[in-house]
């Protein structure tokens, strides 16, 4: 069974609608004891990094996710905040993350002299610039657009783990992968056909 983690920080309604459109069976769990032999795991997320990791820890998900993802190699997709929680540390709340990637999560720094009309958060539609091919990006190219809403982004990820970048007052990392761990900064569940393609690709990995 595919599992969506509910730790009080996710945009669950849109994800449920996207999975229903794709006819994908899933289970929403808010207790690690409810995760039994999952096929895939989705870690969504919106809001504060510090609150997100605190919620995961308080609910007992950190230990369970480490077991499933690192030991049993269950594929996981982190979306927006979910992806950022994979990093070692965030400037948002000076909080430590899951440490699955060596990078950290930092606040956007945009030069207003060069980009006077660029605002934080980065909100709206934008493209991916694919760096490394991956099954999760099958059918996606530079013309595909995705919906973003975030004030922080990941940084310091090794080149071989960066699948795509995005331009917004400079280049930032928008899709990452290490083994069975996938991170997607935009919201595929809110990105129409391109986003549904990402979710479908992940489920077929």
N, C-alpha and C. Protein backbone atom coordinates (compact mmCIF):
# COMPACT_ATOMS: atom_id res chain seq x y z
N UNK A 1 0.84 -1.19 0.00
CA UNK A 1 0.00 0.00 0.00
C UNK A 1 0.88 1.25 0.00
N UNK A 2 0.49 2.23 -0.79
CA UNK A 2 1.17 3.53 -0.80
C UNK A 2 0.72 4.34 0.40
N UNK A 3 1.67 5.00 1.06
CA UNK A 3 1.40 5.69 2.32
C UNK A 3 1.68 7.18 2.18
N UNK A 4 0.75 8.01 2.64
CA UNK A 4 0.95 9.45 2.74
C UNK A 4 1.07 9.79 4.22
N UNK A 5 2.18 10.43 4.60
CA UNK A 5 2.42 10.76 6.01
C UNK A 5 1.68 12.05 6.38
N UNK A 6 0.83 11.96 7.38
CA UNK A 6 0.11 13.13 7.91
C UNK A 6 0.74 13.49 9.25
N UNK A 7 1.55 14.55 9.25
CA UNK A 7 2.19 15.01 10.48
C UNK A 7 1.79 16.45 10.80
N UNK A 8 0.64 16.84 10.25
CA UNK A 8 0.07 18.14 10.56
C UNK A 8 0.62 19.28 9.73
N UNK A 9 1.40 18.97 8.66
CA UNK A 9 2.04 20.02 7.86
C UNK A 9 1.76 19.85 6.37
N UNK A 10 0.88 18.94 6.00
CA UNK A 10 0.74 18.60 4.58
C UNK A 10 -0.49 19.18 3.93
N UNK A 11 -0.40 19.36 2.61
CA UNK A 11 -1.52 19.81 1.80
C UNK A 11 -2.27 18.55 1.32
N UNK A 12 -2.90 17.87 2.27
CA UNK A 12 -3.43 16.53 1.99
C UNK A 12 -4.58 16.53 0.99
N UNK A 13 -5.42 17.57 1.03
CA UNK A 13 -6.57 17.59 0.13
C UNK A 13 -6.18 17.52 -1.33
N UNK A 14 -5.20 18.31 -1.73
CA UNK A 14 -4.76 18.32 -3.13
C UNK A 14 -4.09 17.01 -3.51
N UNK A 15 -3.34 16.42 -2.58
CA UNK A 15 -2.68 15.16 -2.86
C UNK A 15 -3.70 14.04 -3.01
N UNK A 16 -4.70 14.02 -2.16
CA UNK A 16 -5.77 13.03 -2.26
C UNK A 16 -6.47 13.15 -3.62
N UNK A 17 -6.78 14.37 -4.03
CA UNK A 17 -7.43 14.58 -5.32
C UNK A 17 -6.57 14.09 -6.47
N UNK A 18 -5.25 14.36 -6.39
CA UNK A 18 -4.34 13.93 -7.46
C UNK A 18 -4.28 12.42 -7.54
N UNK A 19 -4.18 11.75 -6.40
CA UNK A 19 -4.12 10.28 -6.40
C UNK A 19 -5.44 9.68 -6.88
N UNK A 20 -6.55 10.30 -6.52
CA UNK A 20 -7.84 9.82 -7.01
C UNK A 20 -7.91 9.93 -8.53
N UNK A 21 -7.41 11.03 -9.09
CA UNK A 21 -7.43 11.20 -10.55
C UNK A 21 -6.57 10.15 -11.24
N UNK A 22 -5.50 9.73 -10.57
CA UNK A 22 -4.59 8.73 -11.14
C UNK A 22 -5.03 7.31 -10.81
N UNK A 23 -6.11 7.15 -10.06
CA UNK A 23 -6.59 5.83 -9.62
C UNK A 23 -5.51 5.06 -8.86
N UNK A 24 -4.79 5.78 -8.01
CA UNK A 24 -3.74 5.18 -7.19
C UNK A 24 -4.29 4.94 -5.79
N UNK A 25 -4.17 3.72 -5.31
CA UNK A 25 -4.61 3.40 -3.96
C UNK A 25 -3.60 3.93 -2.95
N UNK A 26 -4.09 4.45 -1.85
CA UNK A 26 -3.20 5.02 -0.85
C UNK A 26 -3.85 4.96 0.52
N UNK A 27 -3.02 5.16 1.54
CA UNK A 27 -3.47 5.20 2.92
C UNK A 27 -2.82 6.40 3.59
N UNK A 28 -3.59 7.21 4.29
CA UNK A 28 -3.06 8.32 5.06
C UNK A 28 -2.81 7.85 6.49
N UNK A 29 -1.59 8.08 6.98
CA UNK A 29 -1.25 7.62 8.33
C UNK A 29 -0.78 8.80 9.17
N UNK A 30 -1.26 8.88 10.39
CA UNK A 30 -0.80 9.91 11.34
C UNK A 30 -0.15 9.27 12.56
N UNK A 31 0.16 7.99 12.44
CA UNK A 31 0.82 7.24 13.51
C UNK A 31 1.75 6.23 12.85
N UNK A 32 3.02 6.18 13.22
CA UNK A 32 3.93 5.24 12.57
C UNK A 32 3.50 3.78 12.68
N UNK A 33 2.70 3.45 13.69
CA UNK A 33 2.21 2.09 13.81
C UNK A 33 1.25 1.71 12.69
N UNK A 34 0.75 2.74 12.00
CA UNK A 34 -0.17 2.48 10.89
C UNK A 34 0.52 2.17 9.58
N UNK A 35 1.85 2.21 9.55
CA UNK A 35 2.60 1.92 8.34
C UNK A 35 3.00 0.45 8.35
N UNK A 36 2.40 -0.32 7.47
CA UNK A 36 2.68 -1.75 7.39
C UNK A 36 3.09 -2.11 5.97
N UNK A 37 4.37 -2.45 5.79
CA UNK A 37 4.89 -2.91 4.51
C UNK A 37 4.50 -1.98 3.36
N UNK A 38 4.86 -0.70 3.42
CA UNK A 38 4.46 0.24 2.37
C UNK A 38 5.21 0.00 1.06
N UNK A 39 4.52 0.25 -0.05
CA UNK A 39 5.15 0.18 -1.37
C UNK A 39 5.92 1.46 -1.66
N UNK A 40 5.29 2.60 -1.40
CA UNK A 40 5.88 3.92 -1.59
C UNK A 40 5.43 4.80 -0.43
N UNK A 41 6.22 5.82 -0.15
CA UNK A 41 5.89 6.78 0.90
C UNK A 41 5.91 8.19 0.31
N UNK A 42 4.90 8.98 0.65
CA UNK A 42 4.85 10.40 0.28
C UNK A 42 4.95 11.22 1.56
N UNK A 43 5.94 12.13 1.60
CA UNK A 43 6.06 13.06 2.73
C UNK A 43 5.77 14.47 2.21
N UNK A 44 4.53 14.94 2.31
CA UNK A 44 4.21 16.29 1.85
C UNK A 44 4.65 17.30 2.88
N UNK A 45 4.37 18.57 2.62
CA UNK A 45 4.70 19.55 3.64
C UNK A 45 4.59 20.99 3.18
N UNK A 46 3.99 21.80 4.03
CA UNK A 46 3.98 23.25 3.86
C UNK A 46 4.19 23.85 5.25
N UNK A 47 4.86 25.00 5.30
CA UNK A 47 5.05 25.66 6.58
C UNK A 47 6.48 25.60 7.08
N UNK A 48 6.63 25.68 8.38
CA UNK A 48 7.92 25.85 9.04
C UNK A 48 8.71 24.55 9.13
N UNK A 49 10.00 24.63 8.78
CA UNK A 49 10.90 23.49 8.89
C UNK A 49 10.99 23.02 10.35
N UNK A 50 11.23 23.95 11.25
CA UNK A 50 11.40 23.59 12.66
C UNK A 50 10.16 22.89 13.21
N UNK A 51 8.99 23.39 12.85
CA UNK A 51 7.76 22.76 13.32
C UNK A 51 7.55 21.41 12.67
N UNK A 52 7.94 21.32 11.40
CA UNK A 52 7.78 20.06 10.68
C UNK A 52 8.60 18.94 11.29
N UNK A 53 9.88 19.19 11.55
CA UNK A 53 10.73 18.14 12.12
C UNK A 53 10.31 17.84 13.55
N UNK A 54 9.83 18.84 14.27
CA UNK A 54 9.34 18.62 15.63
C UNK A 54 8.12 17.70 15.61
N UNK A 55 7.20 17.96 14.68
CA UNK A 55 6.01 17.12 14.58
C UNK A 55 6.37 15.68 14.24
N UNK A 56 7.27 15.51 13.27
CA UNK A 56 7.70 14.15 12.90
C UNK A 56 8.30 13.43 14.09
N UNK A 57 9.12 14.13 14.83
CA UNK A 57 9.79 13.52 15.99
C UNK A 57 8.79 13.20 17.09
N UNK A 58 7.92 14.15 17.41
CA UNK A 58 6.96 13.94 18.49
C UNK A 58 5.99 12.80 18.19
N UNK A 59 5.67 12.62 16.93
CA UNK A 59 4.74 11.55 16.54
C UNK A 59 5.42 10.20 16.38
N UNK A 60 6.74 10.19 16.46
CA UNK A 60 7.48 8.94 16.33
C UNK A 60 7.81 8.54 14.91
N UNK A 61 7.67 9.49 13.97
CA UNK A 61 7.92 9.16 12.56
C UNK A 61 9.40 9.13 12.21
N UNK A 62 10.24 9.88 12.90
CA UNK A 62 11.65 9.96 12.51
C UNK A 62 12.30 8.58 12.56
N UNK A 63 12.16 7.90 13.66
CA UNK A 63 12.75 6.56 13.79
C UNK A 63 12.16 5.59 12.78
N UNK A 64 10.84 5.64 12.58
CA UNK A 64 10.18 4.73 11.65
C UNK A 64 10.61 5.00 10.21
N UNK A 65 10.71 6.28 9.83
CA UNK A 65 11.13 6.61 8.47
C UNK A 65 12.57 6.20 8.23
N UNK A 66 13.44 6.40 9.20
CA UNK A 66 14.83 5.95 9.05
C UNK A 66 14.90 4.45 8.81
N UNK A 67 14.07 3.71 9.52
CA UNK A 67 14.03 2.26 9.35
C UNK A 67 13.55 1.88 7.96
N UNK A 68 12.44 2.48 7.53
CA UNK A 68 11.85 2.11 6.25
C UNK A 68 12.68 2.58 5.06
N UNK A 69 13.16 3.83 5.14
CA UNK A 69 13.84 4.45 4.00
C UNK A 69 15.31 4.05 3.92
N UNK A 70 16.01 4.10 5.03
CA UNK A 70 17.45 3.84 5.03
C UNK A 70 17.77 2.35 5.10
N UNK A 71 17.02 1.60 5.88
CA UNK A 71 17.31 0.18 6.05
C UNK A 71 16.57 -0.70 5.04
N UNK A 72 15.27 -0.46 4.90
CA UNK A 72 14.46 -1.30 4.01
C UNK A 72 14.39 -0.77 2.58
N UNK A 73 14.91 0.45 2.35
CA UNK A 73 15.00 1.05 1.02
C UNK A 73 13.64 1.24 0.34
N UNK A 74 12.62 1.58 1.13
CA UNK A 74 11.32 1.91 0.55
C UNK A 74 11.42 3.26 -0.15
N UNK A 75 10.99 3.39 -1.41
CA UNK A 75 11.05 4.69 -2.10
C UNK A 75 10.17 5.73 -1.40
N UNK A 76 10.72 6.93 -1.25
CA UNK A 76 9.99 8.03 -0.63
C UNK A 76 10.10 9.26 -1.49
N UNK A 77 9.01 10.03 -1.56
CA UNK A 77 8.99 11.31 -2.28
C UNK A 77 8.64 12.41 -1.29
N UNK A 78 9.58 13.33 -1.08
CA UNK A 78 9.32 14.50 -0.25
C UNK A 78 8.90 15.67 -1.12
N UNK A 79 7.82 16.33 -0.75
CA UNK A 79 7.27 17.43 -1.53
C UNK A 79 7.40 18.73 -0.74
N UNK A 80 8.01 19.74 -1.36
CA UNK A 80 8.18 21.08 -0.79
C UNK A 80 8.87 20.97 0.58
N UNK A 81 8.20 21.29 1.68
CA UNK A 81 8.82 21.16 2.99
C UNK A 81 9.30 19.73 3.22
N UNK A 82 8.56 18.75 2.72
CA UNK A 82 8.97 17.36 2.87
C UNK A 82 10.35 17.12 2.31
N UNK A 83 10.65 17.70 1.15
CA UNK A 83 11.98 17.59 0.56
C UNK A 83 13.01 18.30 1.43
N UNK A 84 12.71 19.48 1.91
CA UNK A 84 13.65 20.24 2.71
C UNK A 84 14.01 19.51 4.01
N UNK A 85 13.07 18.77 4.57
CA UNK A 85 13.32 18.03 5.79
C UNK A 85 14.35 16.92 5.60
N UNK A 86 14.62 16.54 4.35
CA UNK A 86 15.65 15.52 4.08
C UNK A 86 17.06 16.05 4.33
N UNK A 87 17.23 17.37 4.39
CA UNK A 87 18.56 17.95 4.54
C UNK A 87 19.02 17.88 5.99
N UNK A 88 20.28 18.28 6.21
CA UNK A 88 20.87 18.18 7.55
C UNK A 88 20.41 19.28 8.50
N UNK A 89 20.10 20.46 7.91
CA UNK A 89 19.87 21.63 8.77
C UNK A 89 19.12 22.69 7.98
N UNK A 90 18.35 23.50 8.68
CA UNK A 90 17.66 24.62 8.04
C UNK A 90 17.89 25.92 8.80
N UNK A 91 18.08 26.99 8.04
CA UNK A 91 18.14 28.32 8.64
C UNK A 91 16.81 28.73 9.24
N UNK A 92 15.74 28.11 8.79
CA UNK A 92 14.40 28.42 9.30
C UNK A 92 14.23 27.74 10.67
N UNK A 93 14.42 28.49 11.72
CA UNK A 93 14.31 27.94 13.06
C UNK A 93 15.58 27.31 13.57
N UNK A 94 16.69 27.41 12.80
CA UNK A 94 17.96 26.80 13.19
C UNK A 94 17.75 25.36 13.65
N UNK A 95 17.11 24.58 12.80
CA UNK A 95 16.71 23.23 13.17
C UNK A 95 17.45 22.18 12.36
N UNK A 96 17.74 21.05 12.98
CA UNK A 96 18.33 19.92 12.29
C UNK A 96 17.24 19.12 11.60
N UNK A 97 17.59 18.55 10.43
CA UNK A 97 16.63 17.76 9.68
C UNK A 97 16.90 16.27 9.80
N UNK A 98 16.40 15.50 8.83
CA UNK A 98 16.56 14.05 8.83
C UNK A 98 17.99 13.63 8.48
N UNK A 99 18.74 14.52 7.83
CA UNK A 99 20.15 14.29 7.50
C UNK A 99 20.35 13.19 6.47
N UNK A 100 19.38 13.02 5.57
CA UNK A 100 19.53 12.04 4.49
C UNK A 100 20.38 12.60 3.35
N UNK A 101 20.44 13.92 3.25
CA UNK A 101 21.32 14.61 2.33
C UNK A 101 22.23 15.53 3.14
N UNK A 102 23.45 15.72 2.67
CA UNK A 102 24.41 16.55 3.39
C UNK A 102 24.09 18.05 3.32
N UNK A 103 23.28 18.45 2.36
CA UNK A 103 22.99 19.86 2.16
C UNK A 103 22.14 20.45 3.27
N UNK A 104 21.89 21.75 3.15
CA UNK A 104 21.06 22.44 4.13
C UNK A 104 19.99 23.25 3.41
N UNK A 105 19.04 23.75 4.18
CA UNK A 105 17.94 24.55 3.65
C UNK A 105 18.16 26.00 4.06
N UNK A 106 18.19 26.88 3.05
CA UNK A 106 18.54 28.28 3.29
C UNK A 106 17.45 29.20 2.74
N UNK A 107 17.43 30.42 3.25
CA UNK A 107 16.46 31.41 2.79
C UNK A 107 16.89 32.00 1.46
N UNK A 108 15.92 32.27 0.60
CA UNK A 108 16.21 32.95 -0.66
C UNK A 108 16.92 34.27 -0.41
N UNK A 109 17.98 34.52 -1.16
CA UNK A 109 18.68 35.80 -1.15
C UNK A 109 18.70 36.33 -2.58
N UNK A 110 17.85 37.31 -2.86
CA UNK A 110 17.72 37.84 -4.22
C UNK A 110 18.20 39.28 -4.25
N UNK A 111 19.06 39.57 -5.20
CA UNK A 111 19.58 40.92 -5.37
C UNK A 111 18.49 41.80 -5.98
N UNK A 112 17.96 42.72 -5.17
CA UNK A 112 16.85 43.55 -5.63
C UNK A 112 17.27 44.55 -6.71
N UNK A 113 18.56 44.85 -6.78
CA UNK A 113 19.02 45.74 -7.84
C UNK A 113 18.92 45.05 -9.20
N UNK A 114 19.23 43.77 -9.23
CA UNK A 114 19.17 43.01 -10.48
C UNK A 114 17.78 42.48 -10.77
N UNK A 115 17.02 42.16 -9.72
CA UNK A 115 15.69 41.55 -9.89
C UNK A 115 14.68 42.30 -9.02
N UNK A 116 14.37 43.55 -9.38
CA UNK A 116 13.52 44.38 -8.51
C UNK A 116 12.10 43.87 -8.36
N UNK A 117 11.62 43.05 -9.30
CA UNK A 117 10.22 42.61 -9.26
C UNK A 117 10.08 41.21 -8.66
N UNK A 118 11.19 40.61 -8.26
CA UNK A 118 11.13 39.27 -7.69
C UNK A 118 10.82 39.36 -6.19
N UNK A 119 9.81 38.63 -5.77
CA UNK A 119 9.37 38.68 -4.38
C UNK A 119 9.60 37.34 -3.69
N UNK A 120 9.69 37.39 -2.38
CA UNK A 120 9.76 36.20 -1.54
C UNK A 120 8.47 36.15 -0.72
N UNK A 121 7.75 35.03 -0.71
CA UNK A 121 8.13 33.73 -1.26
C UNK A 121 8.09 33.67 -2.78
N UNK A 122 8.86 32.73 -3.31
CA UNK A 122 8.75 32.36 -4.72
C UNK A 122 7.42 31.64 -4.87
N UNK A 123 6.49 32.29 -5.57
CA UNK A 123 5.13 31.75 -5.67
C UNK A 123 4.64 31.83 -7.10
N UNK A 124 4.17 30.72 -7.63
CA UNK A 124 3.62 30.70 -8.97
C UNK A 124 4.27 29.62 -9.82
N UNK A 125 4.14 29.80 -11.14
CA UNK A 125 4.55 28.77 -12.09
C UNK A 125 5.98 29.00 -12.57
N UNK A 126 6.73 27.91 -12.68
CA UNK A 126 8.12 28.00 -13.12
C UNK A 126 8.54 26.66 -13.73
N UNK A 127 9.69 26.67 -14.39
CA UNK A 127 10.18 25.50 -15.11
C UNK A 127 11.24 24.75 -14.33
N UNK A 128 11.52 23.55 -14.79
CA UNK A 128 12.65 22.77 -14.31
C UNK A 128 13.72 22.75 -15.39
N UNK A 129 14.98 22.83 -14.99
CA UNK A 129 16.10 22.63 -15.89
C UNK A 129 16.76 21.31 -15.50
N UNK A 130 16.54 20.28 -16.30
CA UNK A 130 16.97 18.94 -15.93
C UNK A 130 18.48 18.81 -16.03
N UNK A 131 19.09 18.33 -14.95
CA UNK A 131 20.55 18.15 -14.87
C UNK A 131 20.94 16.70 -15.09
N UNK A 132 20.19 15.80 -14.50
CA UNK A 132 20.47 14.37 -14.60
C UNK A 132 19.18 13.63 -14.91
N UNK A 133 19.19 12.75 -15.89
CA UNK A 133 17.96 12.01 -16.22
C UNK A 133 17.57 11.08 -15.10
N UNK A 134 16.26 10.86 -14.96
CA UNK A 134 15.75 9.98 -13.92
C UNK A 134 14.36 9.52 -14.31
N UNK A 135 13.97 8.31 -13.92
CA UNK A 135 12.61 7.83 -14.23
C UNK A 135 11.51 8.75 -13.70
N UNK A 136 11.77 9.46 -12.59
CA UNK A 136 10.71 10.32 -12.04
C UNK A 136 10.43 11.51 -12.95
N UNK A 137 11.39 11.85 -13.83
CA UNK A 137 11.23 12.98 -14.75
C UNK A 137 10.86 12.54 -16.16
N UNK A 138 10.50 11.30 -16.33
CA UNK A 138 10.12 10.81 -17.65
C UNK A 138 8.93 11.62 -18.19
N UNK A 139 9.05 12.11 -19.42
CA UNK A 139 7.99 12.90 -20.03
C UNK A 139 8.02 14.37 -19.66
N UNK A 140 9.01 14.79 -18.89
CA UNK A 140 9.15 16.19 -18.46
C UNK A 140 10.31 16.82 -19.20
N UNK A 141 10.12 18.06 -19.67
CA UNK A 141 11.20 18.79 -20.32
C UNK A 141 11.18 20.24 -19.88
N UNK A 142 12.00 21.07 -20.53
CA UNK A 142 12.13 22.47 -20.11
C UNK A 142 10.85 23.27 -20.28
N UNK A 143 9.91 22.76 -21.09
CA UNK A 143 8.66 23.50 -21.29
C UNK A 143 7.61 23.15 -20.23
N UNK A 144 7.86 22.11 -19.44
CA UNK A 144 6.91 21.71 -18.40
C UNK A 144 6.94 22.72 -17.26
N UNK A 145 5.79 23.11 -16.77
CA UNK A 145 5.73 24.10 -15.70
C UNK A 145 5.11 23.48 -14.45
N UNK A 146 5.56 23.99 -13.30
CA UNK A 146 5.12 23.47 -12.01
C UNK A 146 4.82 24.63 -11.06
N UNK A 147 3.98 24.34 -10.07
CA UNK A 147 3.57 25.37 -9.12
C UNK A 147 4.48 25.34 -7.89
N UNK A 148 5.07 26.49 -7.59
CA UNK A 148 5.97 26.65 -6.46
C UNK A 148 5.36 27.62 -5.44
N UNK A 149 5.64 27.37 -4.16
CA UNK A 149 5.40 28.38 -3.13
C UNK A 149 6.33 28.06 -1.96
N UNK A 150 7.41 28.86 -1.83
CA UNK A 150 8.40 28.61 -0.78
C UNK A 150 9.30 29.82 -0.62
N UNK A 151 9.79 30.01 0.59
CA UNK A 151 10.73 31.09 0.91
C UNK A 151 12.14 30.57 1.15
N UNK A 152 12.27 29.24 1.27
CA UNK A 152 13.57 28.60 1.51
C UNK A 152 13.80 27.56 0.42
N UNK A 153 15.06 27.24 0.20
CA UNK A 153 15.39 26.22 -0.80
C UNK A 153 16.61 25.44 -0.33
N UNK A 154 16.80 24.25 -0.87
CA UNK A 154 17.94 23.43 -0.45
C UNK A 154 19.20 23.87 -1.18
N UNK A 155 20.33 23.65 -0.52
CA UNK A 155 21.62 24.07 -1.06
C UNK A 155 22.68 23.08 -0.59
N UNK A 156 23.79 23.00 -1.34
CA UNK A 156 24.90 22.16 -0.93
C UNK A 156 24.73 20.69 -1.24
N UNK A 157 23.79 20.35 -2.10
CA UNK A 157 23.59 18.96 -2.51
C UNK A 157 24.64 18.58 -3.55
N UNK A 158 25.17 17.37 -3.46
CA UNK A 158 26.15 16.91 -4.43
C UNK A 158 25.55 16.89 -5.84
N UNK A 159 26.37 17.22 -6.84
CA UNK A 159 25.89 17.32 -8.21
C UNK A 159 25.19 16.06 -8.69
N UNK A 160 25.72 14.90 -8.29
CA UNK A 160 25.13 13.65 -8.77
C UNK A 160 23.75 13.39 -8.18
N UNK A 161 23.41 14.14 -7.12
CA UNK A 161 22.09 13.99 -6.49
C UNK A 161 21.10 15.06 -6.93
N UNK A 162 21.53 15.98 -7.80
CA UNK A 162 20.64 17.04 -8.30
C UNK A 162 20.04 16.59 -9.63
N UNK A 163 18.72 16.43 -9.68
CA UNK A 163 18.04 16.05 -10.92
C UNK A 163 17.62 17.26 -11.73
N UNK A 164 17.27 18.36 -11.05
CA UNK A 164 16.83 19.55 -11.78
C UNK A 164 17.02 20.80 -10.92
N UNK A 165 17.17 21.92 -11.62
CA UNK A 165 17.24 23.22 -10.97
C UNK A 165 16.15 24.12 -11.55
N UNK A 166 15.97 25.27 -10.92
CA UNK A 166 14.98 26.26 -11.37
C UNK A 166 15.60 27.64 -11.20
N UNK A 167 15.22 28.56 -12.07
CA UNK A 167 15.73 29.93 -12.01
C UNK A 167 14.72 30.85 -11.36
N UNK A 168 15.18 31.56 -10.33
CA UNK A 168 14.37 32.61 -9.71
C UNK A 168 15.32 33.57 -9.01
N UNK A 169 15.73 34.59 -9.73
CA UNK A 169 16.75 35.49 -9.21
C UNK A 169 18.07 34.78 -9.01
N UNK A 170 18.31 33.76 -9.81
CA UNK A 170 19.46 32.89 -9.66
C UNK A 170 19.00 31.44 -9.64
N UNK A 171 19.91 30.53 -9.81
CA UNK A 171 19.57 29.11 -9.89
C UNK A 171 19.47 28.49 -8.51
N UNK A 172 18.43 27.70 -8.28
CA UNK A 172 18.33 26.93 -7.05
C UNK A 172 17.95 25.49 -7.38
N UNK A 173 18.20 24.59 -6.44
CA UNK A 173 17.94 23.16 -6.64
C UNK A 173 16.46 22.88 -6.41
N UNK A 174 15.83 22.21 -7.38
CA UNK A 174 14.39 21.97 -7.26
C UNK A 174 14.00 20.49 -7.25
N UNK A 175 14.87 19.59 -7.71
CA UNK A 175 14.57 18.15 -7.65
C UNK A 175 15.85 17.42 -7.27
N UNK A 176 15.75 16.52 -6.28
CA UNK A 176 16.92 15.78 -5.83
C UNK A 176 16.60 14.30 -5.73
N UNK A 177 17.67 13.51 -5.76
CA UNK A 177 17.51 12.06 -5.57
C UNK A 177 18.80 11.46 -5.02
N UNK A 178 18.65 10.55 -4.09
CA UNK A 178 19.76 9.71 -3.63
C UNK A 178 19.19 8.32 -3.39
N UNK A 179 19.58 7.39 -4.25
CA UNK A 179 19.07 6.01 -4.16
C UNK A 179 17.55 6.01 -4.23
N UNK A 180 16.88 5.59 -3.17
CA UNK A 180 15.42 5.49 -3.15
C UNK A 180 14.73 6.74 -2.61
N UNK A 181 15.51 7.81 -2.40
CA UNK A 181 14.98 9.03 -1.79
C UNK A 181 14.86 10.12 -2.86
N UNK A 182 13.64 10.62 -3.07
CA UNK A 182 13.37 11.64 -4.08
C UNK A 182 12.79 12.88 -3.41
N UNK A 183 13.24 14.05 -3.82
CA UNK A 183 12.70 15.30 -3.30
C UNK A 183 12.26 16.21 -4.44
N UNK A 184 11.10 16.84 -4.28
CA UNK A 184 10.52 17.68 -5.32
C UNK A 184 10.05 18.97 -4.68
N UNK A 185 10.74 20.10 -4.99
CA UNK A 185 10.42 21.38 -4.36
C UNK A 185 9.05 21.92 -4.78
N UNK A 186 8.68 21.91 -6.05
CA UNK A 186 7.34 22.38 -6.40
C UNK A 186 6.28 21.38 -5.93
N UNK A 187 5.03 21.78 -6.07
CA UNK A 187 3.91 20.94 -5.66
C UNK A 187 3.34 20.19 -6.86
N UNK A 188 3.68 18.91 -7.06
CA UNK A 188 3.12 18.19 -8.20
C UNK A 188 1.61 18.04 -8.11
N UNK A 189 1.10 17.95 -6.89
CA UNK A 189 -0.34 17.77 -6.71
C UNK A 189 -1.13 19.01 -7.12
N UNK A 190 -0.43 20.14 -7.34
CA UNK A 190 -1.10 21.38 -7.75
C UNK A 190 -0.61 21.84 -9.13
N UNK A 191 0.08 20.96 -9.83
CA UNK A 191 0.73 21.34 -11.10
C UNK A 191 0.11 20.70 -12.32
N UNK A 192 -1.17 20.39 -12.22
CA UNK A 192 -1.93 19.89 -13.37
C UNK A 192 -1.26 18.67 -14.00
N UNK A 193 -1.24 18.61 -15.34
CA UNK A 193 -0.78 17.40 -16.03
C UNK A 193 0.68 17.08 -15.75
N UNK A 194 1.52 18.10 -15.70
CA UNK A 194 2.95 17.85 -15.43
C UNK A 194 3.14 17.25 -14.04
N UNK A 195 2.41 17.76 -13.08
CA UNK A 195 2.52 17.24 -11.72
C UNK A 195 1.98 15.83 -11.60
N UNK A 196 0.87 15.55 -12.28
CA UNK A 196 0.33 14.20 -12.27
C UNK A 196 1.32 13.22 -12.89
N UNK A 197 2.04 13.67 -13.91
CA UNK A 197 3.06 12.84 -14.54
C UNK A 197 4.15 12.48 -13.53
N UNK A 198 4.57 13.45 -12.72
CA UNK A 198 5.59 13.19 -11.70
C UNK A 198 5.11 12.14 -10.71
N UNK A 199 3.90 12.31 -10.21
CA UNK A 199 3.37 11.36 -9.23
C UNK A 199 3.23 9.96 -9.85
N UNK A 200 2.75 9.90 -11.07
CA UNK A 200 2.60 8.62 -11.76
C UNK A 200 3.97 7.97 -11.96
N UNK A 201 4.95 8.76 -12.39
CA UNK A 201 6.30 8.23 -12.59
C UNK A 201 6.86 7.65 -11.29
N UNK A 202 6.66 8.39 -10.19
CA UNK A 202 7.18 7.92 -8.91
C UNK A 202 6.54 6.60 -8.53
N UNK A 203 5.25 6.49 -8.73
CA UNK A 203 4.55 5.26 -8.36
C UNK A 203 4.99 4.07 -9.23
N UNK A 204 5.52 4.36 -10.40
CA UNK A 204 5.94 3.28 -11.30
C UNK A 204 7.41 2.92 -11.14
N UNK A 205 8.14 3.65 -10.30
CA UNK A 205 9.56 3.35 -10.09
C UNK A 205 9.70 2.00 -9.37
